[in-house]
Amino acid sequence: MSYAGLVWAALRRRPTRTVLTALSVAAAFVVLGALLGFNAGVSALLDSQQATVLRVVSRVAGGAPLPVAYTQRIQTVRGVASAASAVLVFGRYQRPRNVIPVLGTDMKALFTIYPRFAVPAAQLAAAASMPTAALVARELAQQQHWKVGDRIALRTATGDLELDVAGIYIPDDPELATWIIANYDYINASRPRDKDTVMGILASVDDIARAPEISQAIDSLFENSLYPTLTETERQYRVSQINRIGDIGLVVNAIVAAVLFTLLFLTANSLAQSVRERMGELAVLKALGFPNAALQAMVLTEALAVCATAGIAGLGIAALLLPALTSNFPTLGLRSLHLMHGAFLECIGLSLIVALASGVPLARKASHADVAKTLSG
């Protein structure tokens, strides 16, 4: 019989145990894949943030609105290239659960701040000049089957909005992938309260090195006002949002360590039972002339077959689940996150480590067993 046949026979010796062990390994790697993918996604999100963009929000806890007049004053700060006010409302389209974020802002200023947002110049100019115009994210337009020229009726908590689709834009920020961008003046006029206020102000700087200095200058401008501000770079803003959940890196690493320890214990225990039951058979093989290296390879192959196969299956499930799980964090910009190649390779490496850590001691034990004592006992 070939080595592969011997390994296959060992796995089939106790099929229930083999299947349960494989299911446990697969479940562990679903958790590992999701956690490492989420962690890698957060790191990639932070790395993608533009260092030249500042976010100005209220320093008051709870996010009190700021006067829209602050936008013009921020524009006068030395080093600020452009500034755009921003207010966010949520509209329901046709169905109560079909909620769409609508960002009211100065469109021209916004697309100056984010030059990587792709939109035809003619559509942007038309949208900026029409009060009820809206620019719709391409993904959202595809979902809702909208096209340029359509009129959209949205119901918000404060009234109805009727927007005309003037253009389709492609954002480079996943947070805006299903948003509508509208003119601030139209959104402001539709609000029965908090008129002439904004949730925040976006500002681009002309020199990355001066971003901390410019942030301090903006906050100093409103230091003694009724509405003091807190200015941060986009990266700092994202980090502060994520830190509200907790130290994600620490939590993920702690869970990964616990899962790996449990997985190592489970795999080693299952493999130890299998080897113990087959010590007599392994002794016979040794007596027939099988070298120690061959016996060690058989035991290691058994461990690798279970860990690698079940681990890859678990990672496949994690790759399918991760986009659905991260869609629950749209405000963090983690929408439709996928298992990255780095995280996938890391998990494959972990599966090999678990297999070797649990298999090597048992393989050495099986190959060094005394044939006479094993067969007589």
Protein backbone atom coordinates (compact mmCIF):
# COMPACT_ATOMS: atom_id res chain seq x y z
CA MET A 1 0.00 0.00 0.00
CA SER A 2 1.26 3.50 -0.76
CA TYR A 3 2.00 6.14 1.86
CA ALA A 4 -1.08 8.08 0.75
CA GLY A 5 -3.20 4.97 1.22
CA LEU A 6 -1.86 4.46 4.73
CA VAL A 7 -2.61 8.08 5.65
CA TRP A 8 -6.11 7.82 4.18
CA ALA A 9 -6.72 4.60 6.13
CA ALA A 10 -5.62 6.33 9.34
CA LEU A 11 -8.04 9.19 8.75
CA ARG A 12 -10.88 6.76 8.04
CA ARG A 13 -10.16 4.65 11.11
CA ARG A 14 -12.40 6.85 13.28
CA PRO A 15 -14.41 8.88 10.71
CA THR A 16 -16.58 10.59 13.34
CA ARG A 17 -13.55 11.86 15.22
CA THR A 18 -11.86 12.98 12.01
CA VAL A 19 -14.95 14.86 10.83
CA LEU A 20 -15.53 16.54 14.21
CA THR A 21 -11.87 17.57 14.42
CA ALA A 22 -12.01 18.98 10.89
CA LEU A 23 -15.21 20.90 11.67
CA SER A 24 -13.63 22.35 14.82
CA VAL A 25 -10.54 23.44 12.86
CA ALA A 26 -12.73 24.95 10.12
CA ALA A 27 -14.82 26.87 12.69
CA ALA A 28 -11.65 28.18 14.34
CA PHE A 29 -10.33 29.42 11.00
CA VAL A 30 -13.63 31.10 10.19
CA VAL A 31 -13.08 33.18 13.34
CA LEU A 32 -9.37 33.69 12.62
CA GLY A 33 -9.99 34.69 9.01
CA ALA A 34 -12.72 37.15 9.92
CA LEU A 35 -10.69 38.74 12.73
CA LEU A 36 -7.43 39.01 10.79
CA GLY A 37 -9.29 40.25 7.72
CA PHE A 38 -11.08 42.89 9.79
CA ASN A 39 -7.81 43.96 11.40
CA ALA A 40 -6.06 44.18 8.03
CA GLY A 41 -9.00 46.13 6.64
CA VAL A 42 -8.83 48.67 9.46
CA SER A 43 -5.09 49.13 8.88
CA ALA A 44 -5.63 49.57 5.13
CA LEU A 45 -8.41 52.07 5.80
CA LEU A 46 -6.19 54.19 8.03
CA ASP A 47 -3.33 54.04 5.53
CA SER A 48 -5.65 55.25 2.75
CA GLN A 49 -6.78 58.40 4.56
CA GLN A 50 -5.63 61.68 3.01
CA ALA A 51 -3.19 63.54 5.23
CA THR A 52 -4.05 66.82 3.49
CA VAL A 53 -7.71 66.79 4.56
CA LEU A 54 -8.83 68.10 7.95
CA ARG A 55 -12.17 67.47 9.64
CA VAL A 56 -13.53 70.21 11.86
CA VAL A 57 -16.23 69.17 14.33
CA SER A 58 -17.64 70.46 17.59
CA ARG A 59 -15.48 69.99 20.66
CA VAL A 60 -18.63 69.61 22.75
CA ALA A 61 -19.39 65.99 23.64
CA GLY A 62 -22.26 64.58 21.63
CA GLY A 63 -21.39 66.39 18.41
CA ALA A 64 -23.24 69.70 18.68
CA PRO A 65 -23.75 71.47 15.32
CA LEU A 66 -21.49 74.30 14.21
CA PRO A 67 -22.59 77.58 12.56
CA VAL A 68 -22.24 77.40 8.78
CA ALA A 69 -20.50 80.79 8.93
CA TYR A 70 -17.44 78.98 10.32
CA THR A 71 -16.76 77.65 6.82
CA GLN A 72 -15.89 81.09 5.45
CA ARG A 73 -13.74 81.90 8.47
CA ILE A 74 -11.81 78.64 8.13
CA GLN A 75 -11.24 79.44 4.47
CA THR A 76 -9.31 82.56 5.58
CA VAL A 77 -6.85 80.61 7.73
CA ARG A 78 -3.40 80.65 6.20
CA GLY A 79 -2.59 77.29 4.64
CA VAL A 80 -6.21 76.23 4.03
CA ALA A 81 -6.69 75.62 0.31
CA SER A 82 -10.43 74.92 0.33
CA ALA A 83 -13.25 74.37 2.84
CA ALA A 84 -16.68 72.76 2.53
CA SER A 85 -19.49 72.58 5.06
CA ALA A 86 -21.24 69.24 5.54
CA VAL A 87 -24.61 68.21 6.93
CA LEU A 88 -25.95 64.67 6.77
CA VAL A 89 -29.59 63.61 6.57
CA PHE A 90 -31.08 60.18 5.98
CA GLY A 91 -33.86 59.69 3.46
CA ARG A 92 -36.08 56.69 2.86
CA TYR A 93 -36.69 55.75 -0.74
CA GLN A 94 -39.92 53.86 -1.53
CA ARG A 95 -39.47 51.40 1.37
CA PRO A 96 -38.96 52.19 5.07
CA ARG A 97 -35.82 50.05 5.21
CA ASN A 98 -34.26 51.55 2.10
CA VAL A 99 -32.35 54.30 3.92
CA ILE A 100 -29.96 56.47 1.91
CA PRO A 101 -27.50 59.03 3.37
CA VAL A 102 -27.67 62.47 1.75
CA LEU A 103 -24.71 64.81 2.23
CA GLY A 104 -25.51 68.49 1.92
CA THR A 105 -22.40 70.45 0.99
CA ASP A 106 -20.73 72.86 -1.40
CA MET A 107 -20.21 70.47 -4.32
CA LYS A 108 -17.43 72.35 -6.07
CA ALA A 109 -15.48 72.77 -2.84
CA LEU A 110 -15.97 69.11 -1.90
CA PHE A 111 -14.64 67.82 -5.21
CA THR A 112 -11.72 70.23 -4.93
CA ILE A 113 -10.90 68.75 -1.52
CA TYR A 114 -11.26 65.21 -2.89
CA PRO A 115 -9.82 65.38 -6.41
CA ARG A 116 -9.78 61.57 -6.58
CA PHE A 117 -13.58 61.54 -6.64
CA ALA A 118 -14.35 61.00 -10.31
CA VAL A 119 -17.19 62.98 -11.87
CA PRO A 120 -17.51 64.59 -15.33
CA ALA A 121 -16.81 68.32 -15.14
CA ALA A 122 -20.03 69.15 -17.01
CA GLN A 123 -22.13 67.14 -14.55
CA LEU A 124 -20.44 68.79 -11.56
CA ALA A 125 -21.01 72.27 -13.01
CA ALA A 126 -24.68 71.48 -13.71
CA ALA A 127 -25.21 70.06 -10.23
CA ALA A 128 -23.60 73.03 -8.51
CA SER A 129 -25.82 75.49 -10.37
CA MET A 130 -29.15 73.70 -9.76
CA PRO A 131 -30.56 73.93 -6.19
CA THR A 132 -32.29 70.53 -6.28
CA ALA A 133 -29.49 68.75 -8.12
CA ALA A 134 -27.84 65.63 -6.74
CA LEU A 135 -24.75 63.62 -7.54
CA VAL A 136 -25.30 59.91 -6.93
CA ALA A 137 -22.58 57.37 -6.20
CA ARG A 138 -22.24 54.90 -9.06
CA GLU A 139 -22.86 51.85 -6.87
CA LEU A 140 -26.04 53.38 -5.46
CA ALA A 141 -27.26 54.37 -8.94
CA GLN A 142 -26.77 50.79 -10.10
CA GLN A 143 -28.60 49.41 -7.07
CA GLN A 144 -31.59 51.73 -7.49
CA HIS A 145 -31.52 51.77 -11.33
CA TRP A 146 -31.17 55.57 -11.43
CA LYS A 147 -29.76 57.56 -14.31
CA VAL A 148 -29.03 61.22 -15.05
CA GLY A 149 -32.28 63.15 -15.38
CA ASP A 150 -34.29 61.05 -12.90
CA ARG A 151 -36.13 62.73 -10.03
CA ILE A 152 -35.77 61.10 -6.60
CA ALA A 153 -38.32 61.56 -3.83
CA LEU A 154 -36.92 60.89 -0.37
CA ARG A 155 -38.71 61.04 2.96
CA THR A 156 -36.61 62.28 5.87
CA ALA A 157 -37.37 62.72 9.55
CA THR A 158 -38.00 66.43 8.96
CA GLY A 159 -39.83 66.37 5.62
CA ASP A 160 -39.62 65.35 1.99
CA LEU A 161 -36.78 65.95 -0.45
CA GLU A 162 -37.09 65.97 -4.23
CA LEU A 163 -33.72 65.67 -5.91
CA ASP A 164 -32.79 65.68 -9.59
CA VAL A 165 -29.98 63.33 -10.60
CA ALA A 166 -27.50 65.62 -12.34
CA GLY A 167 -24.52 63.27 -12.37
CA ILE A 168 -22.91 60.02 -11.28
CA TYR A 169 -19.69 60.11 -9.27
CA ILE A 170 -17.18 57.43 -8.30
CA PRO A 171 -15.82 57.88 -4.75
CA ASP A 172 -12.52 56.47 -3.54
CA ASP A 173 -13.91 56.25 0.00
CA PRO A 174 -16.08 53.16 0.76
CA GLU A 175 -18.07 55.24 3.25
CA LEU A 176 -19.54 57.24 0.35
CA ALA A 177 -20.24 54.30 -1.96
CA THR A 178 -24.00 54.50 -1.41
CA TRP A 179 -24.40 58.23 -0.69
CA ILE A 180 -26.09 61.09 -2.46
CA ILE A 181 -24.35 64.48 -2.55
CA ALA A 182 -26.72 67.45 -2.64
CA ASN A 183 -26.44 71.23 -2.36
CA TYR A 184 -26.24 72.47 1.22
CA ASP A 185 -28.60 75.39 0.65
CA TYR A 186 -31.42 73.09 -0.48
CA ILE A 187 -30.93 70.68 2.44
CA ASN A 188 -30.67 73.58 4.86
CA ALA A 189 -33.92 75.16 3.61
CA SER A 190 -35.79 71.86 4.11
CA ARG A 191 -34.87 71.60 7.79
CA PRO A 192 -37.38 72.92 10.32
CA ARG A 193 -34.65 73.24 12.98
CA ASP A 194 -30.87 73.65 13.21
CA LYS A 195 -30.93 75.92 10.16
CA ASP A 196 -27.64 77.50 9.14
CA THR A 197 -25.67 74.86 11.02
CA VAL A 198 -23.43 72.01 9.90
CA MET A 199 -22.31 68.72 11.40
CA GLY A 200 -18.74 69.39 10.38
CA ILE A 201 -16.44 71.18 7.97
CA LEU A 202 -13.90 69.63 5.62
CA ALA A 203 -10.75 71.56 4.79
CA SER A 204 -7.78 70.77 2.58
CA VAL A 205 -4.33 72.14 3.34
CA ASP A 206 -1.65 73.11 0.85
CA ASP A 207 1.22 71.63 2.88
CA ILE A 208 1.02 68.25 4.67
CA ALA A 209 3.84 69.23 7.02
CA ARG A 210 1.81 72.18 8.32
CA ALA A 211 -1.37 70.17 9.01
CA PRO A 212 -0.88 70.16 12.84
CA GLU A 213 -0.13 73.89 12.82
CA ILE A 214 -3.19 74.67 10.67
CA SER A 215 -5.39 72.47 12.87
CA GLN A 216 -4.30 74.42 15.92
CA ALA A 217 -4.87 77.72 14.13
CA ILE A 218 -8.44 76.73 13.24
CA ASP A 219 -9.25 75.66 16.80
CA SER A 220 -7.67 78.86 18.19
CA LEU A 221 -9.97 80.87 15.93
CA PHE A 222 -13.06 79.58 17.78
CA GLU A 223 -11.49 78.91 21.15
CA ASN A 224 -13.53 81.49 23.06
CA SER A 225 -16.75 81.16 21.07
CA LEU A 226 -19.96 79.41 22.07
CA TYR A 227 -19.07 76.61 19.67
CA PRO A 228 -15.40 75.58 20.11
CA THR A 229 -14.01 73.22 17.49
CA LEU A 230 -11.86 70.12 17.33
CA THR A 231 -9.78 69.80 14.16
CA GLU A 232 -8.14 66.52 13.19
CA THR A 233 -6.66 64.96 10.09
CA GLU A 234 -8.78 62.27 8.44
CA ARG A 235 -6.56 59.55 9.90
CA GLN A 236 -6.88 60.96 13.42
CA TYR A 237 -10.64 61.21 12.94
CA ARG A 238 -10.89 57.56 11.87
CA VAL A 239 -8.69 56.44 14.76
CA SER A 240 -10.87 58.28 17.27
CA GLN A 241 -13.99 56.64 15.77
CA ILE A 242 -12.45 53.19 15.94
CA ASN A 243 -11.17 53.75 19.48
CA ARG A 244 -14.75 54.25 20.60
CA ILE A 245 -15.18 50.53 19.97
CA GLY A 246 -11.93 49.71 21.78
CA ASP A 247 -8.35 48.76 21.01
CA ILE A 248 -9.16 46.58 18.01
CA GLY A 249 -5.59 45.37 17.56
CA LEU A 250 -5.32 44.23 21.18
CA VAL A 251 -8.74 42.54 21.13
CA VAL A 252 -8.04 40.76 17.84
CA ASN A 253 -4.60 39.55 18.95
CA ALA A 254 -6.00 38.28 22.27
CA ILE A 255 -8.79 36.35 20.54
CA VAL A 256 -6.40 34.97 17.92
CA ALA A 257 -4.05 33.74 20.68
CA ALA A 258 -6.94 32.08 22.55
CA VAL A 259 -8.25 30.43 19.37
CA LEU A 260 -4.79 29.15 18.42
CA PHE A 261 -4.17 27.71 21.90
CA THR A 262 -7.54 25.94 21.85
CA LEU A 263 -6.96 24.73 18.31
CA LEU A 264 -3.50 23.40 19.17
CA PHE A 265 -4.85 21.56 22.21
CA LEU A 266 -7.76 20.08 20.25
CA THR A 267 -5.65 18.96 17.28
CA ALA A 268 -2.87 17.51 19.44
CA ASN A 269 -5.37 15.62 21.60
CA SER A 270 -7.20 14.15 18.60
CA LEU A 271 -3.96 13.19 16.87
CA ALA A 272 -2.55 11.69 20.09
CA GLN A 273 -5.60 9.44 20.41
CA SER A 274 -5.19 8.33 16.81
CA VAL A 275 -1.48 7.56 17.20
CA ARG A 276 -2.03 5.74 20.52
CA GLU A 277 -4.62 3.48 18.93
CA ARG A 278 -2.26 2.69 16.04
CA MET A 279 1.01 2.17 17.90
CA GLY A 280 0.84 -1.55 17.24
CA GLU A 281 0.28 -1.01 13.53
CA LEU A 282 3.12 1.51 13.37
CA ALA A 283 5.38 -0.99 15.16
CA VAL A 284 4.50 -3.64 12.57
CA LEU A 285 5.35 -1.21 9.76
CA LYS A 286 8.67 -0.47 11.45
CA ALA A 287 9.36 -4.17 11.79
CA LEU A 288 8.61 -4.62 8.08
CA GLY A 289 11.36 -2.16 7.25
CA PHE A 290 9.64 1.21 7.10
CA PRO A 291 12.26 3.82 8.06
CA ASN A 292 11.68 6.24 10.94
CA ALA A 293 11.43 9.16 8.53
CA ALA A 294 8.57 7.46 6.68
CA LEU A 295 6.61 6.88 9.90
CA GLN A 296 7.17 10.47 10.96
CA ALA A 297 6.04 11.70 7.56
CA MET A 298 2.84 9.64 7.81
CA VAL A 299 1.87 11.13 11.18
CA LEU A 300 2.76 14.65 10.06
CA THR A 301 0.85 14.24 6.80
CA GLU A 302 -2.21 13.17 8.79
CA ALA A 303 -2.02 16.35 10.90
CA LEU A 304 -1.37 18.54 7.85
CA ALA A 305 -4.24 16.98 5.90
CA VAL A 306 -6.76 17.77 8.63
CA CYS A 307 -5.45 21.26 9.49
CA ALA A 308 -4.75 22.47 5.96
CA THR A 309 -7.93 21.15 4.36
CA ALA A 310 -10.23 22.27 7.17
CA GLY A 311 -8.33 25.54 7.52
CA ILE A 312 -8.74 26.43 3.84
CA ALA A 313 -12.44 25.55 4.03
CA GLY A 314 -12.82 27.80 7.08
CA LEU A 315 -11.03 30.65 5.30
CA GLY A 316 -13.36 30.25 2.33
CA ILE A 317 -16.34 30.65 4.63
CA ALA A 318 -14.70 33.67 6.29
CA ALA A 319 -14.13 35.26 2.87
CA LEU A 320 -17.85 34.94 2.16
CA LEU A 321 -18.96 36.19 5.58
CA LEU A 322 -16.57 39.14 5.97
CA PRO A 323 -18.24 41.52 3.46
CA ALA A 324 -21.64 40.92 5.10
CA LEU A 325 -20.24 41.43 8.61
CA THR A 326 -18.37 44.65 7.78
CA SER A 327 -21.39 46.15 6.03
CA ASN A 328 -22.70 46.82 9.57
CA PHE A 329 -19.95 49.43 10.09
CA PRO A 330 -20.59 51.93 7.25
CA THR A 331 -19.72 54.96 9.39
CA LEU A 332 -16.24 53.55 9.89
CA GLY A 333 -15.70 53.22 6.15
CA LEU A 334 -15.42 49.43 6.37
CA ARG A 335 -18.18 48.67 3.97
CA SER A 336 -17.83 45.45 1.88
CA LEU A 337 -14.45 44.56 3.33
CA HIS A 338 -12.81 41.43 1.90
CA LEU A 339 -10.27 38.92 3.15
CA MET A 340 -6.95 40.29 1.91
CA HIS A 341 -4.17 38.15 0.49
CA GLY A 342 -1.90 38.95 3.41
CA ALA A 343 -4.46 37.80 5.97
CA PHE A 344 -5.20 34.68 3.89
CA LEU A 345 -1.52 33.73 3.74
CA GLU A 346 -1.14 34.46 7.44
CA CYS A 347 -3.97 32.05 8.24
CA ILE A 348 -2.48 29.37 5.97
CA GLY A 349 0.81 29.78 7.83
CA LEU A 350 -0.97 29.45 11.16
CA SER A 351 -2.64 26.22 10.02
CA LEU A 352 0.77 24.78 9.11
CA ILE A 353 2.22 25.87 12.46
CA VAL A 354 -0.64 24.20 14.35
CA ALA A 355 -0.21 21.01 12.33
CA LEU A 356 3.54 20.89 12.90
CA ALA A 357 3.33 21.84 16.58
CA SER A 358 0.81 19.10 17.28
CA GLY A 359 2.27 16.52 14.88
CA VAL A 360 6.05 16.69 15.39
CA PRO A 361 6.15 15.41 19.01
CA LEU A 362 3.76 12.57 18.17
CA ALA A 363 5.66 11.71 14.98
CA ARG A 364 8.90 11.42 16.95
CA LYS A 365 7.18 9.29 19.56
CA ALA A 366 5.75 6.93 16.93
CA SER A 367 9.07 6.54 15.08
CA HIS A 368 11.16 5.97 18.20
CA ALA A 369 8.86 3.44 19.83
CA ASP A 370 10.44 0.10 20.75
CA VAL A 371 9.02 -2.55 18.42
CA ALA A 372 9.32 -5.48 20.86
CA LYS A 373 7.80 -3.63 23.81
CA THR A 374 4.97 -2.21 21.73
CA LEU A 375 3.98 -5.55 20.20
CA SER A 376 4.32 -7.46 23.50
CA GLY A 377 2.38 -4.85 25.46
